[in-house]
């Protein structure tokens, strides 16, 4: 089949269009990775018997997630567990890295 006559090749992206296109592709890729990360955390949590999952009666597309007895027990120990875990994770940060983390955390929480 012959291509139609008088057709032009698509214009190349330049400048602003290229930057916006690159940003859109990068954001889409990030969101896909984020979606998989959330799914992996959810699967691990569901399989650990800490939460129970049930379809929402009013909207079958929705899912209700509730803590099991084991989940409530684990949640009651968060105040004991989290400080030591955070100290262990943050111990490798330099003062400059920790300051940057605090600044970015503040930006995330800023309304």
PDB file of N, CA and C in Angstrom:
ATOM      1  N   UNK A   1       0.843  -1.172   0.000  1.00  0.00           N
ATOM      2  CA  UNK A   1       0.000   0.000   0.000  1.00  0.00           C
ATOM      3  C   UNK A   1       0.886   1.233   0.000  1.00  0.00           C
ATOM      4  N   UNK A   2       0.588   2.178  -0.861  1.00  0.00           N
ATOM      5  CA  UNK A   2       1.365   3.405  -0.964  1.00  0.00           C
ATOM      6  C   UNK A   2       0.868   4.428   0.055  1.00  0.00           C
ATOM      7  N   UNK A   3       1.808   5.175   0.687  1.00  0.00           N
ATOM      8  CA  UNK A   3       1.373   6.206   1.632  1.00  0.00           C
ATOM      9  C   UNK A   3       0.665   7.327   0.889  1.00  0.00           C
ATOM     10  N   UNK A   4      -0.289   7.993   1.539  1.00  0.00           N
ATOM     11  CA  UNK A   4      -0.986   9.096   0.879  1.00  0.00           C
ATOM     12  C   UNK A   4      -0.015  10.208   0.528  1.00  0.00           C
ATOM     13  N   UNK A   5      -0.285  10.880  -0.568  1.00  0.00           N
ATOM     14  CA  UNK A   5       0.580  11.977  -1.014  1.00  0.00           C
ATOM     15  C   UNK A   5       0.309  13.221  -0.168  1.00  0.00           C
ATOM     16  N   UNK A   6       1.268  14.108  -0.170  1.00  0.00           N
ATOM     17  CA  UNK A   6       1.189  15.386   0.545  1.00  0.00           C
ATOM     18  C   UNK A   6       1.101  15.205   2.060  1.00  0.00           C
ATOM     19  N   UNK A   7       1.686  14.162   2.593  1.00  0.00           N
ATOM     20  CA  UNK A   7       1.729  14.000   4.050  1.00  0.00           C
ATOM     21  C   UNK A   7       3.101  14.427   4.541  1.00  0.00           C
ATOM     22  N   UNK A   8       3.110  15.117   5.641  1.00  0.00           N
ATOM     23  CA  UNK A   8       4.365  15.599   6.221  1.00  0.00           C
ATOM     24  C   UNK A   8       4.779  14.687   7.370  1.00  0.00           C
ATOM     25  N   UNK A   9       6.061  14.586   7.584  1.00  0.00           N
ATOM     26  CA  UNK A   9       6.566  13.846   8.737  1.00  0.00           C
ATOM     27  C   UNK A   9       6.206  14.629   9.997  1.00  0.00           C
ATOM     28  N   UNK A  10       5.922  13.942  11.082  1.00  0.00           N
ATOM     29  CA  UNK A  10       5.594  14.675  12.311  1.00  0.00           C
ATOM     30  C   UNK A  10       6.765  15.547  12.746  1.00  0.00           C
ATOM     31  N   UNK A  11       6.430  16.705  13.279  1.00  0.00           N
ATOM     32  CA  UNK A  11       7.464  17.636  13.732  1.00  0.00           C
ATOM     33  C   UNK A  11       8.161  17.081  14.964  1.00  0.00           C
ATOM     34  N   UNK A  12       9.444  17.330  15.051  1.00  0.00           N
ATOM     35  CA  UNK A  12      10.205  16.908  16.227  1.00  0.00           C
ATOM     36  C   UNK A  12       9.872  17.806  17.402  1.00  0.00           C
ATOM     37  N   UNK A  13       9.922  17.238  18.586  1.00  0.00           N
ATOM     38  CA  UNK A  13       9.719  18.039  19.789  1.00  0.00           C
ATOM     39  C   UNK A  13      10.963  18.870  20.040  1.00  0.00           C
ATOM     40  N   UNK A  14      10.754  20.100  20.408  1.00  0.00           N
ATOM     41  CA  UNK A  14      11.887  20.968  20.700  1.00  0.00           C
ATOM     42  C   UNK A  14      11.629  21.752  21.971  1.00  0.00           C
ATOM     43  N   UNK A  15      12.681  22.124  22.615  1.00  0.00           N
ATOM     44  CA  UNK A  15      12.618  23.014  23.764  1.00  0.00           C
ATOM     45  C   UNK A  15      11.620  22.595  24.825  1.00  0.00           C
ATOM     46  N   UNK A  16      10.658  23.453  25.046  1.00  0.00           N
ATOM     47  CA  UNK A  16       9.663  23.274  26.109  1.00  0.00           C
ATOM     48  C   UNK A  16       8.858  21.986  25.926  1.00  0.00           C
ATOM     49  N   UNK A  17       8.458  21.685  24.686  1.00  0.00           N
ATOM     50  CA  UNK A  17       7.687  20.472  24.414  1.00  0.00           C
ATOM     51  C   UNK A  17       8.491  19.229  24.791  1.00  0.00           C
ATOM     52  N   UNK A  18       9.777  19.237  24.480  1.00  0.00           N
ATOM     53  CA  UNK A  18      10.641  18.101  24.784  1.00  0.00           C
ATOM     54  C   UNK A  18      10.766  17.920  26.298  1.00  0.00           C
ATOM     55  N   UNK A  19      10.962  19.029  27.003  1.00  0.00           N
ATOM     56  CA  UNK A  19      11.096  18.964  28.461  1.00  0.00           C
ATOM     57  C   UNK A  19       9.797  18.461  29.087  1.00  0.00           C
ATOM     58  N   UNK A  20       8.654  19.000  28.653  1.00  0.00           N
ATOM     59  CA  UNK A  20       7.361  18.565  29.191  1.00  0.00           C
ATOM     60  C   UNK A  20       7.088  17.100  28.860  1.00  0.00           C
ATOM     61  N   UNK A  21       7.430  16.681  27.656  1.00  0.00           N
ATOM     62  CA  UNK A  21       7.247  15.285  27.269  1.00  0.00           C
ATOM     63  C   UNK A  21       8.114  14.348  28.100  1.00  0.00           C
ATOM     64  N   UNK A  22       9.361  14.746  28.305  1.00  0.00           N
ATOM     65  CA  UNK A  22      10.274  13.950  29.126  1.00  0.00           C
ATOM     66  C   UNK A  22       9.755  13.854  30.554  1.00  0.00           C
ATOM     67  N   UNK A  23       9.293  14.984  31.087  1.00  0.00           N
ATOM     68  CA  UNK A  23       8.752  14.998  32.451  1.00  0.00           C
ATOM     69  C   UNK A  23       7.525  14.097  32.552  1.00  0.00           C
ATOM     70  N   UNK A  24       6.642  14.143  31.555  1.00  0.00           N
ATOM     71  CA  UNK A  24       5.433  13.317  31.576  1.00  0.00           C
ATOM     72  C   UNK A  24       5.777  11.834  31.561  1.00  0.00           C
ATOM     73  N   UNK A  25       6.734  11.445  30.733  1.00  0.00           N
ATOM     74  CA  UNK A  25       7.144  10.034  30.674  1.00  0.00           C
ATOM     75  C   UNK A  25       7.796   9.615  31.990  1.00  0.00           C
ATOM     76  N   UNK A  26       8.645  10.476  32.555  1.00  0.00           N
ATOM     77  CA  UNK A  26       9.299  10.155  33.827  1.00  0.00           C
ATOM     78  C   UNK A  26       8.272  10.024  34.951  1.00  0.00           C
ATOM     79  N   UNK A  27       7.291  10.931  34.983  1.00  0.00           N
ATOM     80  CA  UNK A  27       6.258  10.868  36.012  1.00  0.00           C
ATOM     81  C   UNK A  27       5.415   9.607  35.858  1.00  0.00           C
ATOM     82  N   UNK A  28       5.072   9.251  34.635  1.00  0.00           N
ATOM     83  CA  UNK A  28       4.293   8.034  34.399  1.00  0.00           C
ATOM     84  C   UNK A  28       5.073   6.804  34.862  1.00  0.00           C
ATOM     85  N   UNK A  29       6.363   6.782  34.574  1.00  0.00           N
ATOM     86  CA  UNK A  29       7.201   5.660  35.002  1.00  0.00           C
ATOM     87  C   UNK A  29       7.263   5.597  36.526  1.00  0.00           C
ATOM     88  N   UNK A  30       7.442   6.768  37.161  1.00  0.00           N
ATOM     89  CA  UNK A  30       7.485   6.821  38.621  1.00  0.00           C
ATOM     90  C   UNK A  30       6.173   6.328  39.226  1.00  0.00           C
ATOM     91  N   UNK A  31       5.048   6.757  38.663  1.00  0.00           N
ATOM     92  CA  UNK A  31       3.754   6.353  39.197  1.00  0.00           C
ATOM     93  C   UNK A  31       3.563   4.843  39.044  1.00  0.00           C
ATOM     94  N   UNK A  32       4.041   4.278  37.949  1.00  0.00           N
ATOM     95  CA  UNK A  32       3.944   2.833  37.758  1.00  0.00           C
ATOM     96  C   UNK A  32       4.765   2.104  38.811  1.00  0.00           C
ATOM     97  N   UNK A  33       5.990   2.585  39.068  1.00  0.00           N
ATOM     98  CA  UNK A  33       6.837   1.981  40.096  1.00  0.00           C
ATOM     99  C   UNK A  33       6.184   2.151  41.463  1.00  0.00           C
ATOM    100  N   UNK A  34       5.633   3.344  41.731  1.00  0.00           N
ATOM    101  CA  UNK A  34       4.967   3.594  43.003  1.00  0.00           C
ATOM    102  C   UNK A  34       3.783   2.653  43.182  1.00  0.00           C
ATOM    103  N   UNK A  35       3.013   2.458  42.109  1.00  0.00           N
ATOM    104  CA  UNK A  35       1.868   1.554  42.163  1.00  0.00           C
ATOM    105  C   UNK A  35       2.312   0.139  42.514  1.00  0.00           C
ATOM    106  N   UNK A  36       3.387  -0.333  41.890  1.00  0.00           N
ATOM    107  CA  UNK A  36       3.895  -1.670  42.183  1.00  0.00           C
ATOM    108  C   UNK A  36       4.425  -1.748  43.607  1.00  0.00           C
ATOM    109  N   UNK A  37       5.075  -0.675  44.074  1.00  0.00           N
ATOM    110  CA  UNK A  37       5.600  -0.672  45.442  1.00  0.00           C
ATOM    111  C   UNK A  37       4.465  -0.780  46.456  1.00  0.00           C
ATOM    112  N   UNK A  38       3.414  -0.010  46.223  1.00  0.00           N
ATOM    113  CA  UNK A  38       2.265  -0.055  47.124  1.00  0.00           C
ATOM    114  C   UNK A  38       1.650  -1.447  47.098  1.00  0.00           C
ATOM    115  N   UNK A  39       1.520  -2.021  45.917  1.00  0.00           N
ATOM    116  CA  UNK A  39       0.951  -3.364  45.804  1.00  0.00           C
ATOM    117  C   UNK A  39       1.812  -4.380  46.542  1.00  0.00           C
ATOM    118  N   UNK A  40       3.129  -4.265  46.423  1.00  0.00           N
ATOM    119  CA  UNK A  40       4.019  -5.210  47.102  1.00  0.00           C
ATOM    120  C   UNK A  40       3.919  -5.086  48.620  1.00  0.00           C
ATOM    121  N   UNK A  41       3.806  -3.870  49.113  1.00  0.00           N
ATOM    122  CA  UNK A  41       3.636  -3.671  50.558  1.00  0.00           C
ATOM    123  C   UNK A  41       2.295  -4.233  50.998  1.00  0.00           C
ATOM    124  N   UNK A  42       1.248  -3.969  50.220  1.00  0.00           N
ATOM    125  CA  UNK A  42      -0.084  -4.460  50.572  1.00  0.00           C
ATOM    126  C   UNK A  42      -0.119  -5.985  50.583  1.00  0.00           C
ATOM    127  N   UNK A  43       0.493  -6.612  49.599  1.00  0.00           N
ATOM    128  CA  UNK A  43       0.504  -8.079  49.536  1.00  0.00           C
ATOM    129  C   UNK A  43       1.231  -8.652  50.743  1.00  0.00           C
ATOM    130  N   UNK A  44       2.373  -8.061  51.084  1.00  0.00           N
ATOM    131  CA  UNK A  44       3.130  -8.548  52.246  1.00  0.00           C
ATOM    132  C   UNK A  44       2.333  -8.365  53.528  1.00  0.00           C
ATOM    133  N   UNK A  45       1.654  -7.241  53.656  1.00  0.00           N
ATOM    134  CA  UNK A  45       0.860  -6.975  54.863  1.00  0.00           C
ATOM    135  C   UNK A  45      -0.326  -7.923  54.945  1.00  0.00           C
ATOM    136  N   UNK A  46      -0.999  -8.140  53.823  1.00  0.00           N
ATOM    137  CA  UNK A  46      -2.145  -9.053  53.823  1.00  0.00           C
ATOM    138  C   UNK A  46      -1.726 -10.480  54.136  1.00  0.00           C
ATOM    139  N   UNK A  47      -0.584 -10.892  53.612  1.00  0.00           N
ATOM    140  CA  UNK A  47      -0.151 -12.264  53.850  1.00  0.00           C
ATOM    141  C   UNK A  47       0.399 -12.454  55.260  1.00  0.00           C
ATOM    142  N   UNK A  48       0.699 -11.356  55.965  1.00  0.00           N
ATOM    143  CA  UNK A  48       1.235 -11.482  57.323  1.00  0.00           C
ATOM    144  C   UNK A  48       0.138 -11.628  58.366  1.00  0.00           C
ATOM    145  N   UNK A  49      -1.106 -11.628  57.949  1.00  0.00           N
ATOM    146  CA  UNK A  49      -2.241 -11.799  58.849  1.00  0.00           C
ATOM    147  C   UNK A  49      -2.410 -10.625  59.815  1.00  0.00           C
ATOM    148  N   UNK A  50      -1.909  -9.437  59.427  1.00  0.00           N
ATOM    149  CA  UNK A  50      -2.089  -8.253  60.266  1.00  0.00           C
ATOM    150  C   UNK A  50      -3.364  -7.497  59.908  1.00  0.00           C
ATOM    151  N   UNK A  51      -3.822  -7.683  58.685  1.00  0.00           N
ATOM    152  CA  UNK A  51      -5.038  -7.001  58.236  1.00  0.00           C
ATOM    153  C   UNK A  51      -5.966  -7.983  57.535  1.00  0.00           C
ATOM    154  N   UNK A  52      -7.225  -7.607  57.485  1.00  0.00           N
ATOM    155  CA  UNK A  52      -8.231  -8.399  56.778  1.00  0.00           C
ATOM    156  C   UNK A  52      -8.793  -7.514  55.666  1.00  0.00           C
ATOM    157  N   UNK A  53      -9.004  -8.116  54.549  1.00  0.00           N
ATOM    158  CA  UNK A  53      -9.480  -7.402  53.362  1.00  0.00           C
ATOM    159  C   UNK A  53     -10.860  -7.920  52.994  1.00  0.00           C
ATOM    160  N   UNK A  54     -11.795  -6.974  52.705  1.00  0.00           N
ATOM    161  CA  UNK A  54     -13.144  -7.368  52.286  1.00  0.00           C
ATOM    162  C   UNK A  54     -13.672  -6.335  51.298  1.00  0.00           C
ATOM    163  N   UNK A  55     -14.435  -6.792  50.341  1.00  0.00           N
ATOM    164  CA  UNK A  55     -15.046  -5.880  49.368  1.00  0.00           C
ATOM    165  C   UNK A  55     -16.005  -4.935  50.066  1.00  0.00           C
ATOM    166  N   UNK A  56     -16.046  -3.708  49.582  1.00  0.00           N
ATOM    167  CA  UNK A  56     -16.973  -2.712  50.090  1.00  0.00           C
ATOM    168  C   UNK A  56     -18.370  -3.062  49.600  1.00  0.00           C
ATOM    169  N   UNK A  57     -19.338  -3.160  50.502  1.00  0.00           N
ATOM    170  CA  UNK A  57     -20.701  -3.547  50.127  1.00  0.00           C
ATOM    171  C   UNK A  57     -21.380  -2.503  49.244  1.00  0.00           C
ATOM    172  N   UNK A  58     -21.064  -1.223  49.457  1.00  0.00           N
ATOM    173  CA  UNK A  58     -21.712  -0.153  48.700  1.00  0.00           C
ATOM    174  C   UNK A  58     -21.070   0.073  47.338  1.00  0.00           C
ATOM    175  N   UNK A  59     -19.798  -0.219  47.225  1.00  0.00           N
ATOM    176  CA  UNK A  59     -19.080  -0.018  45.964  1.00  0.00           C
ATOM    177  C   UNK A  59     -18.147  -1.206  45.766  1.00  0.00           C
ATOM    178  N   UNK A  60     -18.506  -2.134  44.911  1.00  0.00           N
ATOM    179  CA  UNK A  60     -17.751  -3.379  44.728  1.00  0.00           C
ATOM    180  C   UNK A  60     -16.337  -3.137  44.201  1.00  0.00           C
ATOM    181  N   UNK A  61     -16.058  -1.933  43.690  1.00  0.00           N
ATOM    182  CA  UNK A  61     -14.697  -1.626  43.250  1.00  0.00           C
ATOM    183  C   UNK A  61     -13.787  -1.355  44.435  1.00  0.00           C
ATOM    184  N   UNK A  62     -14.374  -0.964  45.564  1.00  0.00           N
ATOM    185  CA  UNK A  62     -13.607  -0.613  46.751  1.00  0.00           C
ATOM    186  C   UNK A  62     -13.309  -1.815  47.618  1.00  0.00           C
ATOM    187  N   UNK A  63     -12.290  -1.664  48.434  1.00  0.00           N
ATOM    188  CA  UNK A  63     -11.884  -2.717  49.357  1.00  0.00           C
ATOM    189  C   UNK A  63     -11.743  -2.090  50.740  1.00  0.00           C
ATOM    190  N   UNK A  64     -12.314  -2.727  51.739  1.00  0.00           N
ATOM    191  CA  UNK A  64     -12.142  -2.298  53.120  1.00  0.00           C
ATOM    192  C   UNK A  64     -11.031  -3.132  53.749  1.00  0.00           C
ATOM    193  N   UNK A  65     -10.093  -2.468  54.391  1.00  0.00           N
ATOM    194  CA  UNK A  65      -8.993  -3.150  55.055  1.00  0.00           C
ATOM    195  C   UNK A  65      -9.089  -2.830  56.543  1.00  0.00           C
ATOM    196  N   UNK A  66      -9.161  -3.866  57.371  1.00  0.00           N
ATOM    197  CA  UNK A  66      -9.257  -3.675  58.819  1.00  0.00           C
ATOM    198  C   UNK A  66      -8.170  -4.477  59.521  1.00  0.00           C
ATOM    199  N   UNK A  67      -7.764  -4.001  60.682  1.00  0.00           N
ATOM    200  CA  UNK A  67      -6.752  -4.714  61.468  1.00  0.00           C
ATOM    201  C   UNK A  67      -7.346  -5.968  62.080  1.00  0.00           C
ATOM    202  N   UNK A  68      -6.564  -7.026  62.065  1.00  0.00           N
ATOM    203  CA  UNK A  68      -6.936  -8.249  62.780  1.00  0.00           C
ATOM    204  C   UNK A  68      -6.468  -8.095  64.225  1.00  0.00           C
ATOM    205  N   UNK A  69      -6.733  -9.082  65.045  1.00  0.00           N
ATOM    206  CA  UNK A  69      -6.247  -9.058  66.425  1.00  0.00           C
ATOM    207  C   UNK A  69      -4.724  -8.971  66.446  1.00  0.00           C
ATOM    208  N   UNK A  70      -4.059  -9.747  65.568  1.00  0.00           N
ATOM    209  CA  UNK A  70      -2.590  -9.696  65.474  1.00  0.00           C
ATOM    210  C   UNK A  70      -2.133  -8.304  65.034  1.00  0.00           C
ATOM    211  N   UNK A  71      -2.893  -7.685  64.134  1.00  0.00           N
ATOM    212  CA  UNK A  71      -2.563  -6.333  63.682  1.00  0.00           C
ATOM    213  C   UNK A  71      -2.704  -5.304  64.788  1.00  0.00           C
ATOM    214  N   UNK A  72      -3.750  -5.435  65.604  1.00  0.00           N
ATOM    215  CA  UNK A  72      -3.936  -4.522  66.733  1.00  0.00           C
ATOM    216  C   UNK A  72      -2.809  -4.688  67.753  1.00  0.00           C
ATOM    217  N   UNK A  73      -2.396  -5.943  67.988  1.00  0.00           N
ATOM    218  CA  UNK A  73      -1.271  -6.187  68.902  1.00  0.00           C
ATOM    219  C   UNK A  73       0.017  -5.555  68.376  1.00  0.00           C
ATOM    220  N   UNK A  74       0.274  -5.721  67.089  1.00  0.00           N
ATOM    221  CA  UNK A  74       1.475  -5.131  66.487  1.00  0.00           C
ATOM    222  C   UNK A  74       1.401  -3.605  66.540  1.00  0.00           C
ATOM    223  N   UNK A  75       0.224  -3.036  66.259  1.00  0.00           N
ATOM    224  CA  UNK A  75       0.065  -1.582  66.280  1.00  0.00           C
ATOM    225  C   UNK A  75       0.295  -1.017  67.675  1.00  0.00           C
ATOM    226  N   UNK A  76      -0.067  -1.770  68.698  1.00  0.00           N
ATOM    227  CA  UNK A  76       0.127  -1.286  70.067  1.00  0.00           C
ATOM    228  C   UNK A  76       1.606  -1.207  70.440  1.00  0.00           C
ATOM    229  N   UNK A  77       2.479  -1.897  69.681  1.00  0.00           N
ATOM    230  CA  UNK A  77       3.912  -1.905  69.965  1.00  0.00           C
ATOM    231  C   UNK A  77       4.692  -0.916  69.105  1.00  0.00           C
ATOM    232  N   UNK A  78       4.007  -0.134  68.264  1.00  0.00           N
ATOM    233  CA  UNK A  78       4.693   0.784  67.354  1.00  0.00           C
ATOM    234  C   UNK A  78       5.571   1.774  68.114  1.00  0.00           C
ATOM    235  N   UNK A  79       5.061   2.325  69.212  1.00  0.00           N
ATOM    236  CA  UNK A  79       5.841   3.309  69.976  1.00  0.00           C
ATOM    237  C   UNK A  79       7.136   2.707  70.518  1.00  0.00           C
ATOM    238  N   UNK A  80       7.165   1.416  70.762  1.00  0.00           N
ATOM    239  CA  UNK A  80       8.385   0.753  71.241  1.00  0.00           C
ATOM    240  C   UNK A  80       9.353   0.484  70.093  1.00  0.00           C
ATOM    241  N   UNK A  81       8.822   0.130  68.936  1.00  0.00           N
ATOM    242  CA  UNK A  81       9.631  -0.364  67.822  1.00  0.00           C
ATOM    243  C   UNK A  81      10.187   0.758  66.945  1.00  0.00           C
ATOM    244  N   UNK A  82       9.367   1.742  66.628  1.00  0.00           N
ATOM    245  CA  UNK A  82       9.726   2.741  65.615  1.00  0.00           C
ATOM    246  C   UNK A  82      10.951   3.579  65.979  1.00  0.00           C
ATOM    247  N   UNK A  83      11.088   4.109  67.202  1.00  0.00           N
ATOM    248  CA  UNK A  83      12.277   4.933  67.478  1.00  0.00           C
ATOM    249  C   UNK A  83      13.593   4.207  67.211  1.00  0.00           C
ATOM    250  N   UNK A  84      13.710   2.967  67.647  1.00  0.00           N
ATOM    251  CA  UNK A  84      14.952   2.220  67.416  1.00  0.00           C
ATOM    252  C   UNK A  84      15.173   1.971  65.926  1.00  0.00           C
ATOM    253  N   UNK A  85      14.103   1.670  65.206  1.00  0.00           N
ATOM    254  CA  UNK A  85      14.217   1.434  63.765  1.00  0.00           C
ATOM    255  C   UNK A  85      14.643   2.719  63.050  1.00  0.00           C
ATOM    256  N   UNK A  86      14.032   3.848  63.410  1.00  0.00           N
ATOM    257  CA  UNK A  86      14.404   5.120  62.778  1.00  0.00           C
ATOM    258  C   UNK A  86      15.850   5.492  63.104  1.00  0.00           C
ATOM    259  N   UNK A  87      16.250   5.312  64.345  1.00  0.00           N
ATOM    260  CA  UNK A  87      17.643   5.605  64.712  1.00  0.00           C
ATOM    261  C   UNK A  87      18.611   4.761  63.898  1.00  0.00           C
ATOM    262  N   UNK A  88      18.270   3.491  63.703  1.00  0.00           N
ATOM    263  CA  UNK A  88      19.125   2.597  62.916  1.00  0.00           C
ATOM    264  C   UNK A  88      19.191   3.060  61.461  1.00  0.00           C
ATOM    265  N   UNK A  89      18.045   3.427  60.897  1.00  0.00           N
ATOM    266  CA  UNK A  89      18.010   3.876  59.489  1.00  0.00           C
ATOM    267  C   UNK A  89      18.728   5.203  59.295  1.00  0.00           C
ATOM    268  N   UNK A  90      18.590   6.120  60.249  1.00  0.00           N
ATOM    269  CA  UNK A  90      19.150   7.458  60.093  1.00  0.00           C
ATOM    270  C   UNK A  90      20.591   7.568  60.550  1.00  0.00           C
ATOM    271  N   UNK A  91      21.124   6.543  61.177  1.00  0.00           N
ATOM    272  CA  UNK A  91      22.480   6.616  61.730  1.00  0.00           C
ATOM    273  C   UNK A  91      23.544   6.830  60.659  1.00  0.00           C
ATOM    274  N   UNK A  92      23.275   6.421  59.434  1.00  0.00           N
ATOM    275  CA  UNK A  92      24.247   6.600  58.355  1.00  0.00           C
ATOM    276  C   UNK A  92      24.167   7.955  57.669  1.00  0.00           C
ATOM    277  N   UNK A  93      23.209   8.800  58.058  1.00  0.00           N
ATOM    278  CA  UNK A  93      23.064  10.112  57.438  1.00  0.00           C
ATOM    279  C   UNK A  93      24.114  11.083  57.990  1.00  0.00           C
ATOM    280  N   UNK A  94      24.632  11.920  57.111  1.00  0.00           N
ATOM    281  CA  UNK A  94      25.466  13.025  57.581  1.00  0.00           C
ATOM    282  C   UNK A  94      24.534  14.112  58.116  1.00  0.00           C
ATOM    283  N   UNK A  95      25.094  15.089  58.820  1.00  0.00           N
ATOM    284  CA  UNK A  95      24.265  16.195  59.328  1.00  0.00           C
ATOM    285  C   UNK A  95      23.600  16.944  58.177  1.00  0.00           C
ATOM    286  N   UNK A  96      24.321  17.100  57.075  1.00  0.00           N
ATOM    287  CA  UNK A  96      23.772  17.797  55.917  1.00  0.00           C
ATOM    288  C   UNK A  96      22.616  17.002  55.301  1.00  0.00           C
ATOM    289  N   UNK A  97      22.780  15.693  55.192  1.00  0.00           N
ATOM    290  CA  UNK A  97      21.702  14.847  54.654  1.00  0.00           C
ATOM    291  C   UNK A  97      20.485  14.865  55.566  1.00  0.00           C
ATOM    292  N   UNK A  98      20.723  14.822  56.865  1.00  0.00           N
ATOM    293  CA  UNK A  98      19.606  14.842  57.812  1.00  0.00           C
ATOM    294  C   UNK A  98      18.866  16.180  57.739  1.00  0.00           C
ATOM    295  N   UNK A  99      19.610  17.281  57.613  1.00  0.00           N
ATOM    296  CA  UNK A  99      18.986  18.605  57.479  1.00  0.00           C
ATOM    297  C   UNK A  99      18.144  18.664  56.199  1.00  0.00           C
ATOM    298  N   UNK A 100      18.654  18.084  55.098  1.00  0.00           N
ATOM    299  CA  UNK A 100      17.903  18.063  53.839  1.00  0.00           C
ATOM    300  C   UNK A 100      16.634  17.227  53.980  1.00  0.00           C
ATOM    301  N   UNK A 101      16.739  16.095  54.665  1.00  0.00           N
ATOM    302  CA  UNK A 101      15.572  15.251  54.902  1.00  0.00           C
ATOM    303  C   UNK A 101      14.515  16.007  55.708  1.00  0.00           C
ATOM    304  N   UNK A 102      14.949  16.689  56.759  1.00  0.00           N
ATOM    305  CA  UNK A 102      14.008  17.470  57.581  1.00  0.00           C
ATOM    306  C   UNK A 102      13.351  18.574  56.765  1.00  0.00           C
ATOM    307  N   UNK A 103      14.130  19.241  55.914  1.00  0.00           N
ATOM    308  CA  UNK A 103      13.565  20.303  55.065  1.00  0.00           C
ATOM    309  C   UNK A 103      12.530  19.743  54.104  1.00  0.00           C
ATOM    310  N   UNK A 104      12.840  18.630  53.449  1.00  0.00           N
ATOM    311  CA  UNK A 104      11.908  18.025  52.501  1.00  0.00           C
ATOM    312  C   UNK A 104      10.657  17.488  53.224  1.00  0.00           C
ATOM    313  N   UNK A 105      10.852  16.914  54.388  1.00  0.00           N
ATOM    314  CA  UNK A 105       9.722  16.447  55.178  1.00  0.00           C
ATOM    315  C   UNK A 105       8.802  17.614  55.531  1.00  0.00           C
ATOM    316  N   UNK A 106       9.399  18.729  55.900  1.00  0.00           N
ATOM    317  CA  UNK A 106       8.603  19.936  56.184  1.00  0.00           C
ATOM    318  C   UNK A 106       7.818  20.396  54.977  1.00  0.00           C
ATOM    319  N   UNK A 107       8.416  20.314  53.797  1.00  0.00           N
ATOM    320  CA  UNK A 107       7.708  20.713  52.572  1.00  0.00           C
ATOM    321  C   UNK A 107       6.528  19.785  52.300  1.00  0.00           C
ATOM    322  N   UNK A 108       6.720  18.498  52.540  1.00  0.00           N
ATOM    323  CA  UNK A 108       5.638  17.545  52.318  1.00  0.00           C
ATOM    324  C   UNK A 108       4.459  17.804  53.247  1.00  0.00           C
ATOM    325  N   UNK A 109       4.750  18.193  54.470  1.00  0.00           N
ATOM    326  CA  UNK A 109       3.692  18.388  55.462  1.00  0.00           C
ATOM    327  C   UNK A 109       3.102  19.785  55.439  1.00  0.00           C
ATOM    328  N   UNK A 110       3.759  20.704  54.738  1.00  0.00           N
ATOM    329  CA  UNK A 110       3.293  22.088  54.686  1.00  0.00           C
ATOM    330  C   UNK A 110       2.012  22.181  53.879  1.00  0.00           C
ATOM    331  N   UNK A 111       1.001  22.766  54.478  1.00  0.00           N
ATOM    332  CA  UNK A 111      -0.274  22.955  53.761  1.00  0.00           C
ATOM    333  C   UNK A 111      -0.174  24.206  53.000  1.00  0.00           C
TER     334      UNK A 111
END
